[in-house]
Amino acid sequence: MINILYFSVALIAISFLILVIYLSKTFKTLQVTLDSVSKTLNGLEKQIDGVMSETTDLLKKTNALADDIQEKAESLNSVVTAVKDVGGSFQKFNHTLQNVTNTVNRSYEQNQEKISQIVQWSNVFIELKEKWKNKKQQKQELEIKPVEKRHRERG
C-alpha cells in the first residue's frame, strides 16, 4: 500500500510537472502574443496621434474656409442689393418711358386731324413751288431762244 501511495505521489508529481511545462509554454506563447499586441497598440497610438494632428489642421483650415465663405457671402449680399436697386431703377425708367409714349400717342391722336391738314398744305405748297419753278424755267427758255436766234443771224 505504501508502494501505491509512492506511485500515486510520483504520478501526481509527474502530472504536475507536465502541467507546469504546458502552462509554461502557454504563458510564453501568451507573452509573445501580448508583446505583439503591445507593439500593435503602440503603432496604433502613433497613427492615432498623426490622424489627430491632421484632423486638427483640417479643422483649422475648414474654419478658415468657413470664415472666408461668410465674408464673401456678406460681400455678395451687397452686390445682390445693388443689382436689386438697378432692377428697380430700370422698372421706374420703363414706367416713365411708357408714360411718355402714352402721352405722345394721346397727343398724336388728338392732333391727328391738324397733322393731316399740315401734310396736305405742305403738299399743296410743294406743288405750287414746282409749278412756279417750271413757269420760271419756261420763261427763261423763251428769253434765251430769241437771243440764240440773233446770234445765229449775226454769225
C-alpha atoms as a PDB file:
ATOM      1  CA  MET A   1       0.000   0.000   0.000  1.00  0.00           C
ATOM      2  CA  ILE A   2       2.768   2.313   0.631  1.00  0.00           C
ATOM      3  CA  ASN A   3       4.072   1.492  -2.774  1.00  0.00           C
ATOM      4  CA  ILE A   4       0.791   2.567  -4.265  1.00  0.00           C
ATOM      5  CA  LEU A   5       0.987   5.722  -2.253  1.00  0.00           C
ATOM      6  CA  TYR A   6       4.530   6.428  -3.525  1.00  0.00           C
ATOM      7  CA  PHE A   7       3.447   5.532  -7.006  1.00  0.00           C
ATOM      8  CA  SER A   8       0.448   7.855  -6.724  1.00  0.00           C
ATOM      9  CA  VAL A   9       2.603  10.670  -5.390  1.00  0.00           C
ATOM     10  CA  ALA A  10       5.101  10.105  -8.189  1.00  0.00           C
ATOM     11  CA  LEU A  11       2.257  10.096 -10.714  1.00  0.00           C
ATOM     12  CA  ILE A  12       0.882  13.301  -9.244  1.00  0.00           C
ATOM     13  CA  ALA A  13       4.372  14.868  -9.340  1.00  0.00           C
ATOM     14  CA  ILE A  14       4.823  13.860 -12.983  1.00  0.00           C
ATOM     15  CA  SER A  15       1.347  15.167 -13.866  1.00  0.00           C
ATOM     16  CA  PHE A  16       2.114  18.381 -12.052  1.00  0.00           C
ATOM     17  CA  LEU A  17       5.411  18.655 -13.921  1.00  0.00           C
ATOM     18  CA  ILE A  18       3.652  18.107 -17.266  1.00  0.00           C
ATOM     19  CA  LEU A  19       1.039  20.681 -16.256  1.00  0.00           C
ATOM     20  CA  VAL A  20       3.750  23.174 -15.323  1.00  0.00           C
ATOM     21  CA  ILE A  21       5.559  22.564 -18.639  1.00  0.00           C
ATOM     22  CA  TYR A  22       2.369  23.108 -20.666  1.00  0.00           C
ATOM     23  CA  LEU A  23       1.427  26.134 -18.592  1.00  0.00           C
ATOM     24  CA  SER A  24       4.945  27.484 -19.098  1.00  0.00           C
ATOM     25  CA  LYS A  25       4.680  27.050 -22.880  1.00  0.00           C
ATOM     26  CA  THR A  26       1.208  28.595 -22.855  1.00  0.00           C
ATOM     27  CA  PHE A  27       2.418  31.578 -20.836  1.00  0.00           C
ATOM     28  CA  LYS A  28       5.434  32.035 -23.177  1.00  0.00           C
ATOM     29  CA  THR A  29       3.089  31.954 -26.187  1.00  0.00           C
ATOM     30  CA  LEU A  30       0.763  34.331 -24.362  1.00  0.00           C
ATOM     31  CA  GLN A  31       3.720  36.614 -23.620  1.00  0.00           C
ATOM     32  CA  VAL A  32       4.727  36.673 -27.298  1.00  0.00           C
ATOM     33  CA  THR A  33       1.129  37.419 -28.266  1.00  0.00           C
ATOM     34  CA  LEU A  34       0.858  40.166 -25.636  1.00  0.00           C
ATOM     35  CA  ASP A  35       4.180  41.653 -26.847  1.00  0.00           C
ATOM     36  CA  SER A  36       2.812  41.667 -30.374  1.00  0.00           C
ATOM     37  CA  VAL A  37      -0.416  43.276 -29.197  1.00  0.00           C
ATOM     38  CA  SER A  38       1.615  45.854 -27.258  1.00  0.00           C
ATOM     39  CA  LYS A  39       3.670  46.721 -30.347  1.00  0.00           C
ATOM     40  CA  THR A  40       0.499  46.951 -32.444  1.00  0.00           C
ATOM     41  CA  LEU A  41      -1.115  49.237 -29.860  1.00  0.00           C
ATOM     42  CA  ASN A  42       1.994  51.455 -29.804  1.00  0.00           C
ATOM     43  CA  GLY A  43       1.850  51.684 -33.613  1.00  0.00           C
ATOM     44  CA  LEU A  44      -1.868  52.476 -33.477  1.00  0.00           C
ATOM     45  CA  GLU A  45      -1.217  55.112 -30.839  1.00  0.00           C
ATOM     46  CA  LYS A  46       1.335  56.801 -33.120  1.00  0.00           C
ATOM     47  CA  GLN A  47      -1.053  56.577 -36.078  1.00  0.00           C
ATOM     48  CA  ILE A  48      -3.901  57.995 -33.994  1.00  0.00           C
ATOM     49  CA  ASP A  49      -1.646  60.863 -32.913  1.00  0.00           C
ATOM     50  CA  GLY A  50      -0.851  61.552 -36.579  1.00  0.00           C
ATOM     51  CA  VAL A  51      -4.524  61.368 -37.551  1.00  0.00           C
ATOM     52  CA  MET A  52      -5.453  63.660 -34.662  1.00  0.00           C
ATOM     53  CA  SER A  53      -2.884  66.274 -35.706  1.00  0.00           C
ATOM     54  CA  GLU A  54      -4.081  66.079 -39.334  1.00  0.00           C
ATOM     55  CA  THR A  55      -7.682  66.299 -38.165  1.00  0.00           C
ATOM     56  CA  THR A  56      -6.821  69.359 -36.082  1.00  0.00           C
ATOM     57  CA  ASP A  57      -5.120  71.005 -39.088  1.00  0.00           C
ATOM     58  CA  LEU A  58      -8.079  70.104 -41.291  1.00  0.00           C
ATOM     59  CA  LEU A  59     -10.498  71.551 -38.754  1.00  0.00           C
ATOM     60  CA  LYS A  60      -8.486  74.799 -38.618  1.00  0.00           C
ATOM     61  CA  LYS A  61      -8.484  75.036 -42.420  1.00  0.00           C
ATOM     62  CA  THR A  62     -12.198  74.268 -42.520  1.00  0.00           C
ATOM     63  CA  ASN A  63     -12.906  77.029 -40.011  1.00  0.00           C
ATOM     64  CA  ALA A  64     -10.771  79.482 -42.023  1.00  0.00           C
ATOM     65  CA  LEU A  65     -12.601  78.472 -45.196  1.00  0.00           C
ATOM     66  CA  ALA A  66     -15.969  78.887 -43.480  1.00  0.00           C
ATOM     67  CA  ASP A  67     -14.938  82.382 -42.336  1.00  0.00           C
ATOM     68  CA  ASP A  68     -13.801  83.255 -45.867  1.00  0.00           C
ATOM     69  CA  ILE A  69     -17.071  81.974 -47.328  1.00  0.00           C
ATOM     70  CA  GLN A  70     -19.009  84.009 -44.744  1.00  0.00           C
ATOM     71  CA  GLU A  71     -17.125  87.180 -45.710  1.00  0.00           C
ATOM     72  CA  LYS A  72     -17.687  86.550 -49.402  1.00  0.00           C
ATOM     73  CA  ALA A  73     -21.372  85.828 -48.800  1.00  0.00           C
ATOM     74  CA  GLU A  74     -21.707  89.164 -46.991  1.00  0.00           C
ATOM     75  CA  SER A  75     -19.944  90.916 -49.895  1.00  0.00           C
ATOM     76  CA  LEU A  76     -22.223  89.126 -52.307  1.00  0.00           C
ATOM     77  CA  ASN A  77     -25.243  90.355 -50.350  1.00  0.00           C
ATOM     78  CA  SER A  78     -24.232  93.950 -51.079  1.00  0.00           C
ATOM     79  CA  VAL A  79     -23.846  93.092 -54.780  1.00  0.00           C
ATOM     80  CA  VAL A  80     -27.279  91.457 -54.800  1.00  0.00           C
ATOM     81  CA  THR A  81     -28.745  94.534 -53.136  1.00  0.00           C
ATOM     82  CA  ALA A  82     -27.096  96.770 -55.756  1.00  0.00           C
ATOM     83  CA  VAL A  83     -28.433  94.616 -58.591  1.00  0.00           C
ATOM     84  CA  LYS A  84     -31.873  94.747 -56.995  1.00  0.00           C
ATOM     85  CA  ASP A  85     -31.648  98.547 -56.873  1.00  0.00           C
ATOM     86  CA  VAL A  86     -30.608  98.648 -60.539  1.00  0.00           C
ATOM     87  CA  GLY A  87     -33.614  96.451 -61.366  1.00  0.00           C
ATOM     88  CA  GLY A  88     -35.866  98.882 -59.517  1.00  0.00           C
ATOM     89  CA  SER A  89     -34.337 101.792 -61.425  1.00  0.00           C
ATOM     90  CA  PHE A  90     -34.976 100.016 -64.732  1.00  0.00           C
ATOM     91  CA  GLN A  91     -38.575  99.414 -63.729  1.00  0.00           C
ATOM     92  CA  LYS A  92     -39.004 103.115 -62.905  1.00  0.00           C
ATOM     93  CA  PHE A  93     -37.344 104.061 -66.203  1.00  0.00           C
ATOM     94  CA  ASN A  94     -39.628 101.695 -68.137  1.00  0.00           C
ATOM     95  CA  HIS A  95     -42.670 103.103 -66.361  1.00  0.00           C
ATOM     96  CA  THR A  96     -41.597 106.675 -67.166  1.00  0.00           C
ATOM     97  CA  LEU A  97     -40.895 105.747 -70.796  1.00  0.00           C
ATOM     98  CA  GLN A  98     -44.299 104.095 -71.037  1.00  0.00           C
ATOM     99  CA  ASN A  99     -45.948 107.255 -69.644  1.00  0.00           C
ATOM    100  CA  VAL A 100     -44.099 109.407 -72.195  1.00  0.00           C
ATOM    101  CA  THR A 101     -45.131 107.055 -75.006  1.00  0.00           C
ATOM    102  CA  ASN A 102     -48.740 107.136 -73.858  1.00  0.00           C
ATOM    103  CA  THR A 103     -48.653 110.946 -73.705  1.00  0.00           C
ATOM    104  CA  VAL A 104     -47.174 111.174 -77.223  1.00  0.00           C
ATOM    105  CA  ASN A 105     -49.793 108.727 -78.536  1.00  0.00           C
ATOM    106  CA  ARG A 106     -52.616 110.723 -76.952  1.00  0.00           C
ATOM    107  CA  SER A 107     -51.226 113.962 -78.368  1.00  0.00           C
ATOM    108  CA  TYR A 108     -50.922 112.363 -81.793  1.00  0.00           C
ATOM    109  CA  GLU A 109     -54.495 111.087 -81.648  1.00  0.00           C
ATOM    110  CA  GLN A 110     -55.781 114.481 -80.523  1.00  0.00           C
ATOM    111  CA  ASN A 111     -53.812 116.362 -83.180  1.00  0.00           C
ATOM    112  CA  GLN A 112     -54.111 113.828 -85.970  1.00  0.00           C
ATOM    113  CA  GLU A 113     -56.520 115.979 -87.946  1.00  0.00           C
ATOM    114  CA  LYS A 114     -54.244 119.018 -87.611  1.00  0.00           C
ATOM    115  CA  ILE A 115     -51.239 116.951 -88.694  1.00  0.00           C
ATOM    116  CA  SER A 116     -53.187 115.702 -91.658  1.00  0.00           C
ATOM    117  CA  GLN A 117     -54.070 119.279 -92.664  1.00  0.00           C
ATOM    118  CA  ILE A 118     -50.429 120.342 -92.305  1.00  0.00           C
ATOM    119  CA  VAL A 119     -49.337 117.479 -94.561  1.00  0.00           C
ATOM    120  CA  GLN A 120     -51.984 118.450 -97.144  1.00  0.00           C
ATOM    121  CA  TRP A 121     -50.979 122.107 -97.073  1.00  0.00           C
ATOM    122  CA  SER A 122     -47.340 121.077 -97.378  1.00  0.00           C
ATOM    123  CA  ASN A 123     -48.178 119.037-100.486  1.00  0.00           C
ATOM    124  CA  VAL A 124     -50.070 121.973-101.956  1.00  0.00           C
ATOM    125  CA  PHE A 125     -47.152 124.293-101.208  1.00  0.00           C
ATOM    126  CA  ILE A 126     -44.689 121.855-102.839  1.00  0.00           C
ATOM    127  CA  GLU A 127     -46.895 121.591-105.959  1.00  0.00           C
ATOM    128  CA  LEU A 128     -47.184 125.371-106.203  1.00  0.00           C
ATOM    129  CA  LYS A 129     -43.422 125.735-105.817  1.00  0.00           C
ATOM    130  CA  GLU A 130     -42.782 123.189-108.591  1.00  0.00           C
ATOM    131  CA  LYS A 131     -45.310 124.902-110.908  1.00  0.00           C
ATOM    132  CA  TRP A 132     -43.738 128.255-110.224  1.00  0.00           C
ATOM    133  CA  LYS A 133     -40.282 126.768-110.865  1.00  0.00           C
ATOM    134  CA  ASN A 134     -41.495 125.209-114.157  1.00  0.00           C
ATOM    135  CA  LYS A 135     -43.039 128.529-115.301  1.00  0.00           C
ATOM    136  CA  LYS A 136     -39.861 130.395-114.426  1.00  0.00           C
ATOM    137  CA  GLN A 137     -37.809 127.850-116.374  1.00  0.00           C
ATOM    138  CA  GLN A 138     -40.138 128.124-119.383  1.00  0.00           C
ATOM    139  CA  LYS A 139     -39.892 131.898-119.233  1.00  0.00           C
ATOM    140  CA  GLN A 140     -36.096 131.720-119.199  1.00  0.00           C
ATOM    141  CA  GLU A 141     -36.123 129.317-122.147  1.00  0.00           C
ATOM    142  CA  LEU A 142     -38.333 131.706-124.107  1.00  0.00           C
ATOM    143  CA  GLU A 143     -35.977 134.595-123.372  1.00  0.00           C
ATOM    144  CA  ILE A 144     -32.888 132.551-124.378  1.00  0.00           C
ATOM    145  CA  LYS A 145     -34.293 131.405-127.751  1.00  0.00           C
ATOM    146  CA  PRO A 146     -34.566 134.884-129.282  1.00  0.00           C
ATOM    147  CA  VAL A 147     -31.036 135.673-128.121  1.00  0.00           C
ATOM    148  CA  GLU A 148     -29.745 132.483-129.761  1.00  0.00           C
ATOM    149  CA  LYS A 149     -31.613 133.339-132.915  1.00  0.00           C
ATOM    150  CA  ARG A 150     -29.935 136.746-133.094  1.00  0.00           C
ATOM    151  CA  HIS A 151     -26.551 135.201-132.589  1.00  0.00           C
ATOM    152  CA  ARG A 152     -27.139 132.858-135.487  1.00  0.00           C
ATOM    153  CA  GLU A 153     -28.199 135.677-137.724  1.00  0.00           C
ATOM    154  CA  ARG A 154     -25.095 137.694-136.913  1.00  0.00           C
ATOM    155  CA  GLY A 155     -22.756 134.767-137.193  1.00  0.00           C
END
